[in-house]
Amino acid sequence: MNRQVDEYYEEELSLKIFVVLSKALQSIKKLVEEDIKCLGLNPTEFSVLELIYSKGDQPIQKIGEKVLIASSSITYVIDKLEKKNLIVRKPCSEDRRVTYAAITNEGTELMNEVFPKHKAALRKICGGLDVNEKEVLIEQLKKLGYYAKNI
């Protein structure tokens, strides 16, 4: 009987984790999206631009998995960023099948200006936790994510 109670309680806790995580993510995403909209970019464009700004030139084919967007949307997002003069396409010298997305000077200038403000906004959004709580939460979420990925 005790085992059934433990299993039931664990199932209820697991359900609660899902609900609380989903609601927290929804609240955080809403605030982040509002912050990004002020830049004239949508969240997907900002994610791609931030990836290239932070990590350097990226193969266009690999960007989707790194910023969690469908590969079918990548070309559209790259086209929009290219039209805004924030990135350019660069062919790979070793493999003609590969094209890189590279940030332009204009894109770098924009990110140099807005990225520190974005990080400050994220700090404010996550201000409900102190540094130690943030570190613990990161580790716990990684552990949960890796476990779920390997099921």
C-alpha atoms as a PDB file:
ATOM      1  CA  MET A   1       0.000   0.000   0.000  1.00  0.00           C
ATOM      2  CA  ASN A   2       2.832   2.397   0.898  1.00  0.00           C
ATOM      3  CA  ARG A   3       4.467   1.861  -2.493  1.00  0.00           C
ATOM      4  CA  GLN A   4       1.231   2.816  -4.291  1.00  0.00           C
ATOM      5  CA  VAL A   5       1.014   6.030  -2.272  1.00  0.00           C
ATOM      6  CA  ASP A   6       4.653   6.841  -3.124  1.00  0.00           C
ATOM      7  CA  GLU A   7       4.060   6.189  -6.848  1.00  0.00           C
ATOM      8  CA  TYR A   8       0.888   8.280  -6.819  1.00  0.00           C
ATOM      9  CA  TYR A   9       2.664  11.127  -5.005  1.00  0.00           C
ATOM     10  CA  GLU A  10       5.594  10.970  -7.433  1.00  0.00           C
ATOM     11  CA  GLU A  11       3.213  11.077 -10.408  1.00  0.00           C
ATOM     12  CA  GLU A  12       1.451  14.112  -8.915  1.00  0.00           C
ATOM     13  CA  LEU A  13       4.802  15.841  -8.324  1.00  0.00           C
ATOM     14  CA  SER A  14       5.886  15.082 -11.886  1.00  0.00           C
ATOM     15  CA  LEU A  15       2.657  16.585 -13.214  1.00  0.00           C
ATOM     16  CA  LYS A  16       3.154  19.653 -11.029  1.00  0.00           C
ATOM     17  CA  ILE A  17       6.740  20.069 -12.294  1.00  0.00           C
ATOM     18  CA  PHE A  18       5.433  20.076 -15.859  1.00  0.00           C
ATOM     19  CA  VAL A  19       2.713  22.630 -15.098  1.00  0.00           C
ATOM     20  CA  VAL A  20       4.990  24.934 -13.069  1.00  0.00           C
ATOM     21  CA  LEU A  21       7.789  24.756 -15.655  1.00  0.00           C
ATOM     22  CA  SER A  22       5.350  25.488 -18.483  1.00  0.00           C
ATOM     23  CA  LYS A  23       3.821  28.478 -16.695  1.00  0.00           C
ATOM     24  CA  ALA A  24       7.213  29.868 -15.681  1.00  0.00           C
ATOM     25  CA  LEU A  25       8.527  29.511 -19.235  1.00  0.00           C
ATOM     26  CA  GLN A  26       5.413  31.201 -20.617  1.00  0.00           C
ATOM     27  CA  SER A  27       5.846  34.186 -18.262  1.00  0.00           C
ATOM     28  CA  ILE A  28       9.560  34.510 -18.978  1.00  0.00           C
ATOM     29  CA  LYS A  29       9.115  34.148 -22.767  1.00  0.00           C
ATOM     30  CA  LYS A  30       6.453  36.866 -22.794  1.00  0.00           C
ATOM     31  CA  LEU A  31       8.781  39.356 -21.095  1.00  0.00           C
ATOM     32  CA  VAL A  32      11.760  38.386 -23.255  1.00  0.00           C
ATOM     33  CA  GLU A  33       9.708  38.715 -26.437  1.00  0.00           C
ATOM     34  CA  GLU A  34       8.559  42.192 -25.382  1.00  0.00           C
ATOM     35  CA  ASP A  35      12.189  43.156 -24.785  1.00  0.00           C
ATOM     36  CA  ILE A  36      13.251  41.846 -28.201  1.00  0.00           C
ATOM     37  CA  LYS A  37      10.350  43.461 -30.099  1.00  0.00           C
ATOM     38  CA  CYS A  38      11.755  46.879 -29.190  1.00  0.00           C
ATOM     39  CA  LEU A  39      14.735  46.036 -31.418  1.00  0.00           C
ATOM     40  CA  GLY A  40      12.650  45.544 -34.565  1.00  0.00           C
ATOM     41  CA  LEU A  41      13.388  41.815 -34.559  1.00  0.00           C
ATOM     42  CA  ASN A  42      11.257  38.825 -33.733  1.00  0.00           C
ATOM     43  CA  PRO A  43      12.519  36.261 -31.181  1.00  0.00           C
ATOM     44  CA  THR A  44      13.657  33.833 -33.876  1.00  0.00           C
ATOM     45  CA  GLU A  45      15.642  36.480 -35.736  1.00  0.00           C
ATOM     46  CA  PHE A  46      17.201  37.631 -32.478  1.00  0.00           C
ATOM     47  CA  SER A  47      18.131  34.042 -31.531  1.00  0.00           C
ATOM     48  CA  VAL A  48      19.866  33.453 -34.851  1.00  0.00           C
ATOM     49  CA  LEU A  49      21.645  36.814 -34.731  1.00  0.00           C
ATOM     50  CA  GLU A  50      22.720  36.245 -31.121  1.00  0.00           C
ATOM     51  CA  LEU A  51      24.097  32.792 -31.991  1.00  0.00           C
ATOM     52  CA  ILE A  52      26.227  34.183 -34.815  1.00  0.00           C
ATOM     53  CA  TYR A  53      27.259  37.194 -32.716  1.00  0.00           C
ATOM     54  CA  SER A  54      28.337  34.978 -29.811  1.00  0.00           C
ATOM     55  CA  LYS A  55      29.719  31.925 -31.617  1.00  0.00           C
ATOM     56  CA  GLY A  56      30.902  33.293 -34.971  1.00  0.00           C
ATOM     57  CA  ASP A  57      29.991  32.171 -38.482  1.00  0.00           C
ATOM     58  CA  GLN A  58      27.594  29.221 -38.494  1.00  0.00           C
ATOM     59  CA  PRO A  59      26.651  26.697 -41.182  1.00  0.00           C
ATOM     60  CA  ILE A  60      23.097  27.626 -42.120  1.00  0.00           C
ATOM     61  CA  GLN A  61      22.121  23.931 -42.062  1.00  0.00           C
ATOM     62  CA  LYS A  62      23.105  23.684 -38.367  1.00  0.00           C
ATOM     63  CA  ILE A  63      21.508  26.882 -37.053  1.00  0.00           C
ATOM     64  CA  GLY A  64      18.041  25.368 -36.605  1.00  0.00           C
ATOM     65  CA  GLU A  65      19.136  22.731 -34.128  1.00  0.00           C
ATOM     66  CA  LYS A  66      21.190  25.269 -32.163  1.00  0.00           C
ATOM     67  CA  VAL A  67      18.370  27.788 -31.699  1.00  0.00           C
ATOM     68  CA  LEU A  68      15.545  25.237 -31.683  1.00  0.00           C
ATOM     69  CA  ILE A  69      13.696  26.270 -34.827  1.00  0.00           C
ATOM     70  CA  ALA A  70      12.499  24.106 -37.696  1.00  0.00           C
ATOM     71  CA  SER A  71      15.003  23.718 -40.510  1.00  0.00           C
ATOM     72  CA  SER A  72      12.231  24.739 -42.913  1.00  0.00           C
ATOM     73  CA  SER A  73      12.132  28.186 -41.251  1.00  0.00           C
ATOM     74  CA  ILE A  74      15.872  28.835 -41.348  1.00  0.00           C
ATOM     75  CA  THR A  75      16.049  30.088 -44.939  1.00  0.00           C
ATOM     76  CA  TYR A  76      13.197  32.525 -44.288  1.00  0.00           C
ATOM     77  CA  VAL A  77      14.858  33.880 -41.122  1.00  0.00           C
ATOM     78  CA  ILE A  78      18.263  34.153 -42.814  1.00  0.00           C
ATOM     79  CA  ASP A  79      16.643  35.986 -45.749  1.00  0.00           C
ATOM     80  CA  LYS A  80      15.003  38.492 -43.388  1.00  0.00           C
ATOM     81  CA  LEU A  81      18.236  39.122 -41.478  1.00  0.00           C
ATOM     82  CA  GLU A  82      20.120  39.488 -44.755  1.00  0.00           C
ATOM     83  CA  LYS A  83      17.575  42.046 -46.045  1.00  0.00           C
ATOM     84  CA  LYS A  84      18.072  44.007 -42.807  1.00  0.00           C
ATOM     85  CA  ASN A  85      21.835  43.957 -43.547  1.00  0.00           C
ATOM     86  CA  LEU A  86      22.574  42.154 -40.272  1.00  0.00           C
ATOM     87  CA  ILE A  87      24.055  38.974 -41.746  1.00  0.00           C
ATOM     88  CA  VAL A  88      25.482  37.730 -45.045  1.00  0.00           C
ATOM     89  CA  ARG A  89      25.792  34.302 -46.582  1.00  0.00           C
ATOM     90  CA  LYS A  90      29.342  33.041 -47.154  1.00  0.00           C
ATOM     91  CA  PRO A  91      30.159  29.914 -49.147  1.00  0.00           C
ATOM     92  CA  CYS A  92      32.411  27.370 -47.465  1.00  0.00           C
ATOM     93  CA  SER A  93      35.784  27.130 -49.202  1.00  0.00           C
ATOM     94  CA  GLU A  94      36.158  23.396 -48.442  1.00  0.00           C
ATOM     95  CA  ASP A  95      32.622  22.151 -49.196  1.00  0.00           C
ATOM     96  CA  ARG A  96      30.416  23.789 -51.820  1.00  0.00           C
ATOM     97  CA  ARG A  97      27.312  22.234 -50.223  1.00  0.00           C
ATOM     98  CA  VAL A  98      27.826  24.305 -47.062  1.00  0.00           C
ATOM     99  CA  THR A  99      26.943  27.975 -46.697  1.00  0.00           C
ATOM    100  CA  TYR A 100      27.716  29.977 -43.593  1.00  0.00           C
ATOM    101  CA  ALA A 101      25.771  32.811 -42.042  1.00  0.00           C
ATOM    102  CA  ALA A 102      28.130  35.585 -40.940  1.00  0.00           C
ATOM    103  CA  ILE A 103      27.312  38.744 -39.026  1.00  0.00           C
ATOM    104  CA  THR A 104      27.877  42.060 -40.803  1.00  0.00           C
ATOM    105  CA  ASN A 105      29.470  45.153 -39.280  1.00  0.00           C
ATOM    106  CA  GLU A 106      25.960  46.586 -38.974  1.00  0.00           C
ATOM    107  CA  GLY A 107      24.815  43.424 -37.176  1.00  0.00           C
ATOM    108  CA  THR A 108      27.786  43.566 -34.827  1.00  0.00           C
ATOM    109  CA  GLU A 109      27.146  47.232 -34.065  1.00  0.00           C
ATOM    110  CA  LEU A 110      23.484  46.483 -33.319  1.00  0.00           C
ATOM    111  CA  MET A 111      24.356  43.578 -31.030  1.00  0.00           C
ATOM    112  CA  ASN A 112      27.123  45.554 -29.288  1.00  0.00           C
ATOM    113  CA  GLU A 113      24.482  48.130 -28.456  1.00  0.00           C
ATOM    114  CA  VAL A 114      21.493  45.934 -27.585  1.00  0.00           C
ATOM    115  CA  PHE A 115      22.949  42.725 -26.177  1.00  0.00           C
ATOM    116  CA  PRO A 116      24.118  44.237 -22.872  1.00  0.00           C
ATOM    117  CA  LYS A 117      20.622  45.728 -22.454  1.00  0.00           C
ATOM    118  CA  HIS A 118      19.078  42.350 -23.246  1.00  0.00           C
ATOM    119  CA  LYS A 119      21.271  40.630 -20.665  1.00  0.00           C
ATOM    120  CA  ALA A 120      20.263  43.257 -18.096  1.00  0.00           C
ATOM    121  CA  ALA A 121      16.590  42.624 -18.927  1.00  0.00           C
ATOM    122  CA  LEU A 122      17.133  38.884 -18.420  1.00  0.00           C
ATOM    123  CA  ARG A 123      18.815  39.571 -15.101  1.00  0.00           C
ATOM    124  CA  LYS A 124      15.770  41.579 -14.025  1.00  0.00           C
ATOM    125  CA  ILE A 125      13.360  38.892 -15.284  1.00  0.00           C
ATOM    126  CA  CYS A 126      15.257  36.219 -13.330  1.00  0.00           C
ATOM    127  CA  GLY A 127      15.655  38.495 -10.315  1.00  0.00           C
ATOM    128  CA  GLY A 128      13.325  36.351  -8.222  1.00  0.00           C
ATOM    129  CA  LEU A 129      16.243  33.975  -7.625  1.00  0.00           C
ATOM    130  CA  ASP A 130      19.599  34.690  -6.010  1.00  0.00           C
ATOM    131  CA  VAL A 131      22.857  33.514  -7.579  1.00  0.00           C
ATOM    132  CA  ASN A 132      22.952  30.211  -5.680  1.00  0.00           C
ATOM    133  CA  GLU A 133      19.338  29.421  -6.577  1.00  0.00           C
ATOM    134  CA  LYS A 134      20.076  30.152 -10.238  1.00  0.00           C
ATOM    135  CA  GLU A 135      23.076  27.799 -10.211  1.00  0.00           C
ATOM    136  CA  VAL A 136      21.058  25.007  -8.567  1.00  0.00           C
ATOM    137  CA  LEU A 137      18.134  25.527 -10.959  1.00  0.00           C
ATOM    138  CA  ILE A 138      20.426  25.361 -13.991  1.00  0.00           C
ATOM    139  CA  GLU A 139      21.935  22.073 -12.793  1.00  0.00           C
ATOM    140  CA  GLN A 140      18.531  20.581 -11.963  1.00  0.00           C
ATOM    141  CA  LEU A 141      17.031  21.583 -15.323  1.00  0.00           C
ATOM    142  CA  LYS A 142      20.035  20.176 -17.188  1.00  0.00           C
ATOM    143  CA  LYS A 143      19.717  16.916 -15.271  1.00  0.00           C
ATOM    144  CA  LEU A 144      15.998  16.717 -16.046  1.00  0.00           C
ATOM    145  CA  GLY A 145      16.516  17.635 -19.704  1.00  0.00           C
ATOM    146  CA  TYR A 146      19.293  15.105 -20.271  1.00  0.00           C
ATOM    147  CA  TYR A 147      17.251  12.384 -18.601  1.00  0.00           C
ATOM    148  CA  ALA A 148      14.163  13.161 -20.693  1.00  0.00           C
ATOM    149  CA  LYS A 149      16.261  13.292 -23.872  1.00  0.00           C
ATOM    150  CA  ASN A 150      17.591   9.787 -23.221  1.00  0.00           C
ATOM    151  CA  ILE A 151      14.279   8.067 -22.444  1.00  0.00           C
END
